[in-house]
């Protein structure tokens, strides 16, 4: 099996998961598609080296995170919306609490959102997140603390709402 067919098999198998990861990082389906496409282009260029030395998916995810960070540097503000996609989907719609969480996550600054995604979605350690984002471990902890604080104040805890109901 040649390298191009192995690359095509990898893309066919993992493209949807990478697109979801891009959405979690960016909070926008269009930016997620751009991140995924650019990361896969870069993976294709490095495919022989990456396939032999490391896991291709981790390479792509790292590339996507770094590309997303690069966008911070180019444009400091973004406008996120919680619009339904144009095409219908078969996933179970998120509950009201989950929708509130996604809306609250979308309001966080990019760095805080990226830290929380890398920590809780990718389950990376503070040291790994610092390496991906190119910041210190203390900065990672600071962004995580600030982001979690904003999320806690924006999204009511379900058990707290249950206790206050008569």
N, C-alpha and C. Protein backbone atom coordinates (compact mmCIF):
# COMPACT_ATOMS: atom_id res chain seq x y z
N UNK A 1 0.85 -1.18 0.00
CA UNK A 1 0.00 0.00 0.00
C UNK A 1 0.90 1.24 0.00
N UNK A 2 0.68 2.15 -0.94
CA UNK A 2 1.54 3.33 -1.02
C UNK A 2 1.08 4.40 -0.04
N UNK A 3 1.95 5.44 0.12
CA UNK A 3 1.69 6.48 1.10
C UNK A 3 0.40 7.26 0.81
N UNK A 4 0.13 7.53 -0.48
CA UNK A 4 -1.08 8.30 -0.80
C UNK A 4 -2.35 7.55 -0.43
N UNK A 5 -2.38 6.26 -0.63
CA UNK A 5 -3.59 5.51 -0.26
C UNK A 5 -3.71 5.41 1.26
N UNK A 6 -2.60 5.31 1.96
CA UNK A 6 -2.66 5.31 3.43
C UNK A 6 -3.15 6.65 3.96
N UNK A 7 -2.67 7.72 3.33
CA UNK A 7 -3.14 9.06 3.72
C UNK A 7 -4.64 9.18 3.45
N UNK A 8 -5.09 8.74 2.30
CA UNK A 8 -6.53 8.80 1.96
C UNK A 8 -7.35 7.98 2.95
N UNK A 9 -6.85 6.82 3.34
CA UNK A 9 -7.56 6.00 4.33
C UNK A 9 -7.64 6.72 5.67
N UNK A 10 -6.56 7.36 6.08
CA UNK A 10 -6.55 8.11 7.35
C UNK A 10 -7.58 9.23 7.29
N UNK A 11 -7.59 9.99 6.20
CA UNK A 11 -8.54 11.11 6.08
C UNK A 11 -9.97 10.59 6.08
N UNK A 12 -10.24 9.52 5.35
CA UNK A 12 -11.60 8.98 5.31
C UNK A 12 -12.05 8.51 6.69
N UNK A 13 -11.13 7.95 7.45
CA UNK A 13 -11.48 7.41 8.76
C UNK A 13 -11.61 8.49 9.83
N UNK A 14 -10.78 9.53 9.81
CA UNK A 14 -10.70 10.47 10.92
C UNK A 14 -11.21 11.88 10.61
N UNK A 15 -11.64 12.16 9.39
CA UNK A 15 -12.03 13.53 9.02
C UNK A 15 -13.17 14.07 9.88
N UNK A 16 -14.19 13.26 10.13
CA UNK A 16 -15.33 13.75 10.92
C UNK A 16 -14.92 14.09 12.35
N UNK A 17 -14.09 13.25 12.95
CA UNK A 17 -13.63 13.52 14.31
C UNK A 17 -12.77 14.77 14.35
N UNK A 18 -11.95 14.96 13.34
CA UNK A 18 -11.11 16.16 13.29
C UNK A 18 -11.96 17.41 13.08
N UNK A 19 -13.00 17.30 12.29
CA UNK A 19 -13.90 18.44 12.08
C UNK A 19 -14.61 18.80 13.39
N UNK A 20 -15.03 17.80 14.16
CA UNK A 20 -15.65 18.07 15.48
C UNK A 20 -14.65 18.75 16.40
N UNK A 21 -13.41 18.28 16.38
CA UNK A 21 -12.37 18.89 17.21
C UNK A 21 -12.17 20.35 16.80
N UNK A 22 -12.16 20.61 15.50
CA UNK A 22 -12.03 21.99 15.03
C UNK A 22 -13.18 22.86 15.49
N UNK A 23 -14.38 22.28 15.53
CA UNK A 23 -15.55 23.03 15.99
C UNK A 23 -15.42 23.35 17.48
N UNK A 24 -14.96 22.39 18.25
CA UNK A 24 -14.79 22.63 19.68
C UNK A 24 -13.75 23.72 19.91
N UNK A 25 -12.69 23.71 19.13
CA UNK A 25 -11.65 24.73 19.26
C UNK A 25 -12.16 26.11 18.87
N UNK A 26 -12.81 26.19 17.72
CA UNK A 26 -13.14 27.50 17.17
C UNK A 26 -14.53 28.00 17.54
N UNK A 27 -15.47 27.09 17.79
CA UNK A 27 -16.83 27.51 18.09
C UNK A 27 -17.61 27.94 16.87
N UNK A 28 -17.08 27.66 15.68
CA UNK A 28 -17.69 28.11 14.45
C UNK A 28 -17.50 27.01 13.39
N UNK A 29 -18.56 26.54 12.74
CA UNK A 29 -18.40 25.44 11.78
C UNK A 29 -17.54 25.80 10.58
N UNK A 30 -17.57 27.05 10.15
CA UNK A 30 -16.77 27.46 9.00
C UNK A 30 -15.28 27.49 9.35
N UNK A 31 -14.96 28.05 10.52
CA UNK A 31 -13.57 28.05 10.97
C UNK A 31 -13.08 26.63 11.23
N UNK A 32 -13.96 25.78 11.73
CA UNK A 32 -13.60 24.38 11.98
C UNK A 32 -13.22 23.69 10.68
N UNK A 33 -14.00 23.93 9.62
CA UNK A 33 -13.69 23.32 8.32
C UNK A 33 -12.37 23.84 7.79
N UNK A 34 -12.12 25.14 7.95
CA UNK A 34 -10.85 25.72 7.49
C UNK A 34 -9.67 25.13 8.27
N UNK A 35 -9.81 25.04 9.58
CA UNK A 35 -8.74 24.46 10.40
C UNK A 35 -8.45 23.03 9.98
N UNK A 36 -9.50 22.24 9.80
CA UNK A 36 -9.33 20.84 9.42
C UNK A 36 -8.65 20.72 8.07
N UNK A 37 -9.11 21.50 7.11
CA UNK A 37 -8.55 21.43 5.77
C UNK A 37 -7.08 21.83 5.77
N UNK A 38 -6.74 22.93 6.41
CA UNK A 38 -5.35 23.38 6.43
C UNK A 38 -4.45 22.38 7.16
N UNK A 39 -4.94 21.82 8.25
CA UNK A 39 -4.14 20.84 8.99
C UNK A 39 -3.91 19.58 8.16
N UNK A 40 -4.92 19.15 7.42
CA UNK A 40 -4.76 17.96 6.57
C UNK A 40 -3.81 18.23 5.39
N UNK A 41 -3.83 19.44 4.88
CA UNK A 41 -2.88 19.81 3.82
C UNK A 41 -1.45 19.72 4.36
N UNK A 42 -1.25 20.25 5.56
CA UNK A 42 0.09 20.20 6.16
C UNK A 42 0.49 18.77 6.50
N UNK A 43 -0.47 17.96 6.92
CA UNK A 43 -0.17 16.56 7.19
C UNK A 43 0.25 15.84 5.91
N UNK A 44 -0.43 16.13 4.82
CA UNK A 44 -0.09 15.48 3.55
C UNK A 44 1.35 15.78 3.15
N UNK A 45 1.77 17.02 3.34
CA UNK A 45 3.15 17.39 3.01
C UNK A 45 4.16 16.62 3.86
N UNK A 46 3.79 16.33 5.11
CA UNK A 46 4.72 15.68 6.04
C UNK A 46 4.38 14.21 6.25
N UNK A 47 3.47 13.66 5.46
CA UNK A 47 2.95 12.32 5.70
C UNK A 47 4.02 11.23 5.86
N UNK A 48 5.00 11.10 4.97
CA UNK A 48 5.97 10.01 5.14
C UNK A 48 6.71 10.08 6.47
N UNK A 49 7.09 11.28 6.86
CA UNK A 49 7.81 11.46 8.12
C UNK A 49 6.90 11.21 9.32
N UNK A 50 5.71 11.76 9.30
CA UNK A 50 4.78 11.65 10.43
C UNK A 50 4.32 10.20 10.61
N UNK A 51 4.00 9.53 9.53
CA UNK A 51 3.49 8.17 9.61
C UNK A 51 4.51 7.23 10.23
N UNK A 52 5.78 7.45 9.92
CA UNK A 52 6.83 6.58 10.47
C UNK A 52 7.17 6.90 11.92
N UNK A 53 7.13 8.16 12.31
CA UNK A 53 7.65 8.56 13.62
C UNK A 53 6.60 8.73 14.70
N UNK A 54 5.38 9.06 14.35
CA UNK A 54 4.40 9.35 15.40
C UNK A 54 2.98 9.11 14.90
N UNK A 55 2.04 9.31 15.77
CA UNK A 55 0.64 9.14 15.47
C UNK A 55 0.16 10.31 14.60
N UNK A 56 -0.36 10.06 13.40
CA UNK A 56 -0.79 11.15 12.52
C UNK A 56 -1.90 12.01 13.12
N UNK A 57 -2.80 11.39 13.88
CA UNK A 57 -3.90 12.18 14.43
C UNK A 57 -3.41 13.19 15.45
N UNK A 58 -2.47 12.82 16.28
CA UNK A 58 -1.95 13.79 17.25
C UNK A 58 -1.24 14.93 16.53
N UNK A 59 -0.56 14.61 15.43
CA UNK A 59 0.10 15.65 14.63
C UNK A 59 -0.95 16.63 14.09
N UNK A 60 -2.04 16.11 13.55
CA UNK A 60 -3.08 16.96 12.98
C UNK A 60 -3.73 17.81 14.07
N UNK A 61 -4.03 17.21 15.21
CA UNK A 61 -4.67 17.96 16.30
C UNK A 61 -3.75 19.06 16.83
N UNK A 62 -2.47 18.76 16.94
CA UNK A 62 -1.51 19.78 17.37
C UNK A 62 -1.45 20.90 16.34
N UNK A 63 -1.44 20.53 15.06
CA UNK A 63 -1.41 21.53 13.99
C UNK A 63 -2.67 22.40 14.04
N UNK A 64 -3.82 21.78 14.27
CA UNK A 64 -5.06 22.54 14.34
C UNK A 64 -5.04 23.52 15.51
N UNK A 65 -4.56 23.08 16.65
CA UNK A 65 -4.48 23.97 17.81
C UNK A 65 -3.56 25.14 17.52
N UNK A 66 -2.43 24.87 16.90
CA UNK A 66 -1.47 25.95 16.59
C UNK A 66 -2.03 26.90 15.53
N UNK A 67 -2.72 26.37 14.53
CA UNK A 67 -3.35 27.23 13.54
C UNK A 67 -4.40 28.12 14.18
N UNK A 68 -5.16 27.56 15.10
CA UNK A 68 -6.19 28.33 15.80
C UNK A 68 -5.56 29.45 16.61
N UNK A 69 -4.46 29.17 17.25
CA UNK A 69 -3.75 30.20 18.02
C UNK A 69 -3.24 31.29 17.08
N UNK A 70 -2.77 30.88 15.91
CA UNK A 70 -2.30 31.87 14.94
C UNK A 70 -3.37 32.86 14.54
N UNK A 71 -4.62 32.40 14.53
CA UNK A 71 -5.72 33.29 14.20
C UNK A 71 -5.87 34.37 15.25
N UNK A 72 -5.59 34.04 16.53
CA UNK A 72 -5.65 35.06 17.60
C UNK A 72 -4.74 36.21 17.27
N UNK A 73 -3.59 35.87 16.77
CA UNK A 73 -2.59 36.90 16.53
C UNK A 73 -2.97 37.78 15.34
N UNK A 74 -3.70 37.21 14.39
CA UNK A 74 -4.09 37.98 13.21
C UNK A 74 -5.32 38.84 13.48
N UNK A 75 -6.28 38.28 14.15
CA UNK A 75 -7.48 39.05 14.47
C UNK A 75 -7.81 38.82 15.94
N UNK A 76 -7.86 39.88 16.67
CA UNK A 76 -8.00 39.79 18.12
C UNK A 76 -9.44 39.61 18.58
N UNK A 77 -10.37 39.85 17.73
CA UNK A 77 -11.76 39.70 18.13
C UNK A 77 -12.48 38.80 17.14
N UNK A 78 -13.46 38.12 17.64
CA UNK A 78 -14.29 37.31 16.76
C UNK A 78 -15.74 37.40 17.20
N UNK A 79 -16.62 37.10 16.32
CA UNK A 79 -18.05 37.11 16.64
C UNK A 79 -18.57 35.70 16.46
N UNK A 80 -18.97 35.08 17.54
CA UNK A 80 -19.50 33.73 17.50
C UNK A 80 -21.02 33.79 17.64
N UNK A 81 -21.68 32.91 16.93
CA UNK A 81 -23.14 32.84 17.01
C UNK A 81 -23.56 31.41 17.27
N UNK A 82 -24.73 31.24 17.78
CA UNK A 82 -25.24 29.91 18.07
C UNK A 82 -26.40 29.65 17.10
N UNK A 83 -26.12 29.69 15.82
CA UNK A 83 -27.12 29.41 14.80
C UNK A 83 -27.10 27.93 14.48
N UNK A 84 -28.26 27.41 14.15
CA UNK A 84 -28.34 26.02 13.72
C UNK A 84 -27.69 25.89 12.34
N UNK A 85 -27.08 24.74 12.06
CA UNK A 85 -26.49 24.55 10.74
C UNK A 85 -27.56 24.55 9.65
N UNK A 86 -27.14 24.87 8.41
CA UNK A 86 -28.09 24.91 7.30
C UNK A 86 -28.61 23.51 6.99
N UNK A 87 -27.75 22.50 7.07
CA UNK A 87 -28.15 21.13 6.77
C UNK A 87 -28.69 20.47 8.03
N UNK A 88 -29.74 19.65 7.90
CA UNK A 88 -30.22 18.93 9.08
C UNK A 88 -29.18 17.90 9.53
N UNK A 89 -29.18 17.62 10.80
CA UNK A 89 -28.26 16.63 11.33
C UNK A 89 -29.03 15.62 12.17
N UNK A 90 -28.41 14.47 12.39
CA UNK A 90 -29.10 13.40 13.09
C UNK A 90 -28.70 13.30 14.56
N UNK A 91 -27.78 14.14 15.00
CA UNK A 91 -27.37 14.10 16.40
C UNK A 91 -28.53 14.52 17.29
N UNK A 92 -28.49 14.06 18.52
CA UNK A 92 -29.49 14.47 19.50
C UNK A 92 -29.22 15.93 19.84
N UNK A 93 -30.24 16.78 19.78
CA UNK A 93 -30.00 18.19 20.09
C UNK A 93 -29.58 18.34 21.56
N UNK A 94 -28.70 19.29 21.82
CA UNK A 94 -28.26 19.48 23.19
C UNK A 94 -29.40 19.98 24.07
N UNK A 95 -29.31 19.63 25.34
CA UNK A 95 -30.32 20.09 26.30
C UNK A 95 -30.15 21.59 26.52
N UNK A 96 -31.10 22.18 27.24
CA UNK A 96 -31.03 23.61 27.52
C UNK A 96 -29.75 23.95 28.29
N UNK A 97 -29.37 23.10 29.23
CA UNK A 97 -28.16 23.34 30.02
C UNK A 97 -26.94 23.27 29.11
N UNK A 98 -26.90 22.27 28.22
CA UNK A 98 -25.76 22.14 27.30
C UNK A 98 -25.70 23.32 26.33
N UNK A 99 -26.85 23.77 25.84
CA UNK A 99 -26.86 24.93 24.95
C UNK A 99 -26.35 26.16 25.67
N UNK A 100 -26.75 26.30 26.92
CA UNK A 100 -26.25 27.42 27.71
C UNK A 100 -24.75 27.35 27.90
N UNK A 101 -24.25 26.13 28.11
CA UNK A 101 -22.81 25.94 28.26
C UNK A 101 -22.08 26.30 26.97
N UNK A 102 -22.60 25.86 25.81
CA UNK A 102 -21.96 26.19 24.53
C UNK A 102 -21.99 27.69 24.28
N UNK A 103 -23.11 28.33 24.59
CA UNK A 103 -23.18 29.78 24.40
C UNK A 103 -22.18 30.48 25.31
N UNK A 104 -22.10 30.02 26.56
CA UNK A 104 -21.15 30.62 27.49
C UNK A 104 -19.71 30.38 27.05
N UNK A 105 -19.43 29.19 26.55
CA UNK A 105 -18.08 28.88 26.05
C UNK A 105 -17.73 29.78 24.88
N UNK A 106 -18.70 30.07 24.03
CA UNK A 106 -18.46 30.92 22.86
C UNK A 106 -18.15 32.37 23.27
N UNK A 107 -18.58 32.79 24.45
CA UNK A 107 -18.32 34.16 24.88
C UNK A 107 -16.94 34.34 25.52
N UNK A 108 -16.29 33.23 25.83
CA UNK A 108 -14.97 33.32 26.45
C UNK A 108 -13.94 33.83 25.46
N UNK A 109 -12.92 34.51 25.94
CA UNK A 109 -11.81 34.88 25.05
C UNK A 109 -11.17 33.63 24.47
N UNK A 110 -10.57 33.75 23.29
CA UNK A 110 -10.02 32.61 22.56
C UNK A 110 -9.05 31.78 23.40
N UNK A 111 -8.16 32.42 24.12
CA UNK A 111 -7.15 31.67 24.87
C UNK A 111 -7.79 30.86 25.99
N UNK A 112 -8.76 31.46 26.69
CA UNK A 112 -9.43 30.73 27.76
C UNK A 112 -10.19 29.55 27.18
N UNK A 113 -10.88 29.76 26.06
CA UNK A 113 -11.63 28.68 25.43
C UNK A 113 -10.68 27.57 24.97
N UNK A 114 -9.56 27.93 24.37
CA UNK A 114 -8.60 26.92 23.91
C UNK A 114 -8.03 26.12 25.07
N UNK A 115 -7.71 26.78 26.17
CA UNK A 115 -7.19 26.08 27.35
C UNK A 115 -8.23 25.09 27.87
N UNK A 116 -9.47 25.52 27.97
CA UNK A 116 -10.52 24.62 28.48
C UNK A 116 -10.77 23.45 27.53
N UNK A 117 -10.74 23.70 26.22
CA UNK A 117 -10.93 22.62 25.25
C UNK A 117 -9.78 21.63 25.35
N UNK A 118 -8.56 22.14 25.40
CA UNK A 118 -7.40 21.25 25.47
C UNK A 118 -7.38 20.47 26.79
N UNK A 119 -7.83 21.09 27.86
CA UNK A 119 -7.79 20.42 29.16
C UNK A 119 -8.91 19.38 29.29
N UNK A 120 -10.14 19.77 28.96
CA UNK A 120 -11.27 18.89 29.25
C UNK A 120 -11.71 18.05 28.06
N UNK A 121 -11.50 18.52 26.84
CA UNK A 121 -11.89 17.73 25.66
C UNK A 121 -10.73 16.83 25.23
N UNK A 122 -9.54 17.40 25.17
CA UNK A 122 -8.37 16.63 24.78
C UNK A 122 -7.68 15.95 25.96
N UNK A 123 -8.02 16.35 27.17
CA UNK A 123 -7.47 15.79 28.41
C UNK A 123 -5.95 15.90 28.45
N UNK A 124 -5.44 17.08 28.07
CA UNK A 124 -4.00 17.33 28.13
C UNK A 124 -3.65 17.89 29.50
N UNK A 125 -2.42 17.66 29.92
CA UNK A 125 -1.96 18.22 31.18
C UNK A 125 -1.60 19.70 30.98
N UNK A 126 -1.39 20.41 32.08
CA UNK A 126 -1.02 21.82 31.98
C UNK A 126 0.28 22.00 31.20
N UNK A 127 1.24 21.10 31.41
CA UNK A 127 2.52 21.20 30.70
C UNK A 127 2.32 21.01 29.20
N UNK A 128 1.46 20.05 28.83
CA UNK A 128 1.21 19.80 27.41
C UNK A 128 0.47 20.98 26.77
N UNK A 129 -0.49 21.54 27.49
CA UNK A 129 -1.23 22.69 26.98
C UNK A 129 -0.27 23.87 26.80
N UNK A 130 0.60 24.09 27.77
CA UNK A 130 1.57 25.18 27.67
C UNK A 130 2.45 24.99 26.44
N UNK A 131 2.84 23.76 26.16
CA UNK A 131 3.65 23.50 24.98
C UNK A 131 2.90 23.76 23.69
N UNK A 132 1.64 23.37 23.64
CA UNK A 132 0.83 23.58 22.44
C UNK A 132 0.59 25.06 22.19
N UNK A 133 0.25 25.78 23.25
CA UNK A 133 -0.09 27.20 23.11
C UNK A 133 1.12 28.12 23.13
N UNK A 134 2.27 27.61 23.55
CA UNK A 134 3.46 28.44 23.61
C UNK A 134 3.42 29.46 24.73
N UNK A 135 2.82 29.06 25.86
CA UNK A 135 2.74 29.94 27.03
C UNK A 135 3.27 29.18 28.24
N UNK A 136 3.38 29.86 29.37
CA UNK A 136 3.87 29.20 30.58
C UNK A 136 2.75 28.38 31.23
N UNK A 137 3.14 27.47 32.12
CA UNK A 137 2.17 26.66 32.84
C UNK A 137 1.27 27.52 33.72
N UNK A 138 1.83 28.56 34.29
CA UNK A 138 1.04 29.48 35.11
C UNK A 138 -0.02 30.21 34.29
N UNK A 139 0.31 30.56 33.06
CA UNK A 139 -0.65 31.21 32.18
C UNK A 139 -1.79 30.25 31.85
N UNK A 140 -1.46 28.99 31.63
CA UNK A 140 -2.48 27.98 31.37
C UNK A 140 -3.43 27.89 32.56
N UNK A 141 -2.88 27.81 33.75
CA UNK A 141 -3.73 27.71 34.96
C UNK A 141 -4.57 28.96 35.15
N UNK A 142 -3.99 30.11 34.87
CA UNK A 142 -4.72 31.36 35.00
C UNK A 142 -5.90 31.41 34.02
N UNK A 143 -5.64 31.07 32.75
CA UNK A 143 -6.72 31.07 31.76
C UNK A 143 -7.79 30.04 32.11
N UNK A 144 -7.38 28.88 32.61
CA UNK A 144 -8.35 27.85 33.00
C UNK A 144 -9.22 28.34 34.15
N UNK A 145 -8.59 28.95 35.14
CA UNK A 145 -9.32 29.44 36.30
C UNK A 145 -10.31 30.55 35.90
N UNK A 146 -9.83 31.50 35.11
CA UNK A 146 -10.70 32.59 34.68
C UNK A 146 -11.86 32.07 33.82
N UNK A 147 -11.54 31.16 32.89
CA UNK A 147 -12.57 30.61 32.02
C UNK A 147 -13.62 29.82 32.78
N UNK A 148 -13.15 28.97 33.71
CA UNK A 148 -14.10 28.20 34.51
C UNK A 148 -14.96 29.10 35.38
N UNK A 149 -14.36 30.15 35.92
CA UNK A 149 -15.12 31.09 36.73
C UNK A 149 -16.23 31.75 35.93
N UNK A 150 -15.91 32.15 34.70
CA UNK A 150 -16.92 32.77 33.85
C UNK A 150 -18.00 31.77 33.47
N UNK A 151 -17.61 30.53 33.19
CA UNK A 151 -18.61 29.51 32.85
C UNK A 151 -19.51 29.22 34.04
N UNK A 152 -18.93 29.13 35.24
CA UNK A 152 -19.75 28.84 36.43
C UNK A 152 -20.75 29.95 36.71
N UNK A 153 -20.35 31.19 36.46
CA UNK A 153 -21.28 32.29 36.71
C UNK A 153 -22.32 32.41 35.60
N UNK A 154 -21.99 31.97 34.39
CA UNK A 154 -22.91 32.09 33.26
C UNK A 154 -23.91 30.94 33.18
N UNK A 155 -23.50 29.75 33.61
CA UNK A 155 -24.36 28.57 33.49
C UNK A 155 -24.72 28.09 34.89
N UNK A 156 -25.99 28.09 35.23
CA UNK A 156 -26.38 27.62 36.57
C UNK A 156 -26.14 26.12 36.69
N UNK A 157 -25.72 25.71 37.86
CA UNK A 157 -25.48 24.29 38.13
C UNK A 157 -26.84 23.60 38.22
N UNK A 158 -27.04 22.47 37.52
CA UNK A 158 -28.37 21.82 37.51
C UNK A 158 -28.88 21.45 38.90
N UNK A 159 -28.02 21.01 39.80
CA UNK A 159 -28.51 20.63 41.13
C UNK A 159 -28.90 21.86 41.93
N UNK A 160 -28.24 23.00 41.70
CA UNK A 160 -28.61 24.22 42.40
C UNK A 160 -30.00 24.66 41.97
N UNK A 161 -30.32 24.51 40.69
CA UNK A 161 -31.64 24.89 40.19
C UNK A 161 -32.71 23.95 40.76
N UNK A 162 -32.36 22.66 40.90
CA UNK A 162 -33.31 21.70 41.44
C UNK A 162 -33.63 22.01 42.91
N UNK A 163 -32.61 22.43 43.67
CA UNK A 163 -32.82 22.71 45.10
C UNK A 163 -33.67 23.96 45.31
N UNK A 164 -33.55 24.94 44.40
CA UNK A 164 -34.29 26.17 44.60
C UNK A 164 -35.75 26.03 44.15
N UNK A 165 -36.06 25.00 43.37
CA UNK A 165 -37.45 24.82 42.92
C UNK A 165 -38.29 24.26 44.06
N UNK A 166 -39.55 24.73 44.16
CA UNK A 166 -40.41 24.22 45.25
C UNK A 166 -40.88 22.83 45.00
